[in-house]
Amino acid sequence: MVETMEELLTVQEVAARLRVNEATVRRWIKNGALEAIKLPHRGKREIYRVRRSTLSSVLKDFDAS
């Protein structure tokens, strides 16, 4: 079985596409409003990646409202 790799976007890329601040994207992730993958790290700030399909569904939901 071959698995295709889906593009993962950084918090900065998601913020730019949604035209919001990075802090807003991080808040949405922490509140559960935006699904993200948490990566292992050693720094103070959490590192997240958002699937392109997740961002697309958020944008579709926004456009439908």
N, C-alpha and C. Protein backbone atom coordinates (compact mmCIF):
# COMPACT_ATOMS: atom_id res chain seq x y z
N MET A 1 0.84 -1.19 0.00
CA MET A 1 0.00 0.00 0.00
C MET A 1 0.89 1.25 0.00
N VAL A 2 0.64 2.12 -0.93
CA VAL A 2 1.43 3.33 -1.05
C VAL A 2 0.65 4.49 -0.44
N GLU A 3 1.31 5.19 0.46
CA GLU A 3 0.68 6.34 1.11
C GLU A 3 1.23 7.61 0.49
N THR A 4 0.35 8.51 0.10
CA THR A 4 0.82 9.78 -0.46
C THR A 4 1.03 10.77 0.67
N MET A 5 2.08 11.52 0.57
CA MET A 5 2.40 12.51 1.60
C MET A 5 1.63 13.79 1.29
N GLU A 6 0.89 14.23 2.28
CA GLU A 6 0.13 15.47 2.12
C GLU A 6 1.01 16.63 2.60
N GLU A 7 0.88 17.75 1.92
CA GLU A 7 1.68 18.91 2.28
C GLU A 7 1.28 19.43 3.65
N LEU A 8 2.28 19.71 4.47
CA LEU A 8 2.06 20.28 5.79
C LEU A 8 2.49 21.74 5.77
N LEU A 9 1.64 22.60 6.31
CA LEU A 9 1.90 24.03 6.32
C LEU A 9 2.33 24.48 7.71
N THR A 10 3.21 25.46 7.77
CA THR A 10 3.63 26.02 9.04
C THR A 10 2.57 26.98 9.56
N VAL A 11 2.67 27.33 10.82
CA VAL A 11 1.75 28.31 11.42
C VAL A 11 1.84 29.62 10.64
N GLN A 12 3.04 30.00 10.27
CA GLN A 12 3.25 31.25 9.53
C GLN A 12 2.54 31.20 8.17
N GLU A 13 2.62 30.08 7.47
CA GLU A 13 1.97 29.94 6.16
C GLU A 13 0.45 29.98 6.29
N VAL A 14 -0.08 29.32 7.31
CA VAL A 14 -1.52 29.32 7.54
C VAL A 14 -1.99 30.74 7.87
N ALA A 15 -1.25 31.42 8.72
CA ALA A 15 -1.61 32.79 9.10
C ALA A 15 -1.62 33.71 7.87
N ALA A 16 -0.65 33.55 7.01
CA ALA A 16 -0.58 34.39 5.81
C ALA A 16 -1.77 34.12 4.89
N ARG A 17 -2.14 32.84 4.74
CA ARG A 17 -3.26 32.50 3.84
C ARG A 17 -4.60 32.94 4.41
N LEU A 18 -4.73 32.93 5.74
CA LEU A 18 -5.98 33.35 6.36
C LEU A 18 -6.00 34.84 6.69
N ARG A 19 -4.85 35.49 6.48
CA ARG A 19 -4.69 36.92 6.76
C ARG A 19 -4.98 37.25 8.22
N VAL A 20 -4.38 36.44 9.11
CA VAL A 20 -4.48 36.67 10.55
C VAL A 20 -3.08 36.59 11.13
N ASN A 21 -2.96 36.96 12.39
CA ASN A 21 -1.70 36.90 13.10
C ASN A 21 -1.36 35.45 13.44
N GLU A 22 -0.07 35.14 13.54
CA GLU A 22 0.37 33.79 13.92
C GLU A 22 -0.18 33.40 15.30
N ALA A 23 -0.26 34.36 16.20
CA ALA A 23 -0.78 34.09 17.55
C ALA A 23 -2.24 33.62 17.46
N THR A 24 -2.98 34.15 16.53
CA THR A 24 -4.38 33.75 16.34
C THR A 24 -4.45 32.29 15.90
N VAL A 25 -3.59 31.91 14.96
CA VAL A 25 -3.57 30.52 14.48
C VAL A 25 -3.20 29.59 15.63
N ARG A 26 -2.19 29.96 16.44
CA ARG A 26 -1.80 29.14 17.58
C ARG A 26 -2.94 29.01 18.59
N ARG A 27 -3.67 30.08 18.81
CA ARG A 27 -4.82 30.05 19.74
C ARG A 27 -5.89 29.10 19.22
N TRP A 28 -6.19 29.17 17.92
CA TRP A 28 -7.18 28.27 17.32
C TRP A 28 -6.76 26.82 17.48
N ILE A 29 -5.46 26.54 17.31
CA ILE A 29 -4.96 25.18 17.47
C ILE A 29 -5.12 24.73 18.92
N LYS A 30 -4.72 25.57 19.86
CA LYS A 30 -4.81 25.21 21.28
C LYS A 30 -6.26 25.05 21.74
N ASN A 31 -7.18 25.83 21.16
CA ASN A 31 -8.60 25.74 21.51
C ASN A 31 -9.31 24.60 20.80
N GLY A 32 -8.65 23.96 19.85
CA GLY A 32 -9.25 22.86 19.11
C GLY A 32 -10.06 23.29 17.90
N ALA A 33 -10.03 24.57 17.57
CA ALA A 33 -10.78 25.07 16.43
C ALA A 33 -10.09 24.73 15.10
N LEU A 34 -8.79 24.47 15.17
CA LEU A 34 -8.01 24.14 13.97
C LEU A 34 -7.16 22.92 14.30
N GLU A 35 -7.35 21.86 13.52
CA GLU A 35 -6.59 20.62 13.76
C GLU A 35 -5.16 20.78 13.27
N ALA A 36 -4.20 20.34 14.09
CA ALA A 36 -2.79 20.46 13.72
C ALA A 36 -2.00 19.28 14.27
N ILE A 37 -0.83 19.09 13.71
CA ILE A 37 0.10 18.06 14.17
C ILE A 37 1.15 18.75 15.02
N LYS A 38 1.39 18.22 16.21
CA LYS A 38 2.41 18.79 17.10
C LYS A 38 3.71 18.03 16.89
N LEU A 39 4.77 18.76 16.58
CA LEU A 39 6.06 18.14 16.33
C LEU A 39 6.93 18.17 17.59
N PRO A 40 7.80 17.17 17.74
CA PRO A 40 8.71 17.17 18.89
C PRO A 40 9.72 18.32 18.75
N HIS A 41 10.08 18.93 19.86
CA HIS A 41 11.01 20.06 19.83
C HIS A 41 11.67 20.23 21.19
N ARG A 42 12.61 21.15 21.28
CA ARG A 42 13.30 21.43 22.54
C ARG A 42 13.16 22.87 22.99
N GLY A 43 12.46 23.69 22.24
CA GLY A 43 12.33 25.10 22.58
C GLY A 43 11.13 25.39 23.46
N LYS A 44 10.92 26.66 23.72
CA LYS A 44 9.79 27.10 24.55
C LYS A 44 8.47 26.99 23.81
N ARG A 45 8.45 27.39 22.55
CA ARG A 45 7.21 27.44 21.77
C ARG A 45 6.93 26.09 21.11
N GLU A 46 5.66 25.69 21.11
CA GLU A 46 5.25 24.45 20.45
C GLU A 46 5.40 24.61 18.94
N ILE A 47 5.75 23.52 18.26
CA ILE A 47 5.87 23.55 16.80
C ILE A 47 4.71 22.74 16.23
N TYR A 48 3.93 23.38 15.35
CA TYR A 48 2.77 22.75 14.76
C TYR A 48 2.86 22.76 13.24
N ARG A 49 2.18 21.80 12.63
CA ARG A 49 1.98 21.79 11.18
C ARG A 49 0.51 21.51 10.92
N VAL A 50 -0.03 22.16 9.92
CA VAL A 50 -1.44 22.01 9.56
C VAL A 50 -1.50 21.38 8.17
N ARG A 51 -2.30 20.36 8.03
CA ARG A 51 -2.46 19.72 6.72
C ARG A 51 -3.15 20.69 5.76
N ARG A 52 -2.75 20.64 4.51
CA ARG A 52 -3.36 21.50 3.49
C ARG A 52 -4.86 21.21 3.39
N SER A 53 -5.26 19.94 3.51
CA SER A 53 -6.68 19.58 3.42
C SER A 53 -7.48 20.18 4.59
N THR A 54 -6.85 20.27 5.76
CA THR A 54 -7.52 20.89 6.91
C THR A 54 -7.78 22.36 6.64
N LEU A 55 -6.77 23.04 6.11
CA LEU A 55 -6.93 24.46 5.78
C LEU A 55 -7.99 24.64 4.71
N SER A 56 -8.00 23.77 3.70
CA SER A 56 -9.00 23.86 2.63
C SER A 56 -10.41 23.70 3.18
N SER A 57 -10.61 22.76 4.11
CA SER A 57 -11.96 22.56 4.67
C SER A 57 -12.37 23.75 5.53
N VAL A 58 -11.42 24.36 6.23
CA VAL A 58 -11.73 25.55 7.03
C VAL A 58 -12.16 26.68 6.10
N LEU A 59 -11.45 26.84 5.00
CA LEU A 59 -11.80 27.90 4.05
C LEU A 59 -13.16 27.64 3.40
N LYS A 60 -13.47 26.37 3.08
CA LYS A 60 -14.78 26.04 2.51
C LYS A 60 -15.90 26.35 3.50
N ASP A 61 -15.69 25.98 4.78
CA ASP A 61 -16.68 26.26 5.81
C ASP A 61 -16.90 27.76 5.97
N PHE A 62 -15.81 28.53 5.88
CA PHE A 62 -15.89 29.97 6.01
C PHE A 62 -16.66 30.58 4.84
N ASP A 63 -16.38 30.08 3.64
CA ASP A 63 -17.06 30.59 2.44
C ASP A 63 -18.54 30.25 2.45
N ALA A 64 -18.90 29.11 3.05
CA ALA A 64 -20.30 28.68 3.10
C ALA A 64 -21.13 29.51 4.08
N SER A 65 -20.46 30.15 5.05
CA SER A 65 -21.22 30.93 6.05
C SER A 65 -21.72 32.24 5.51
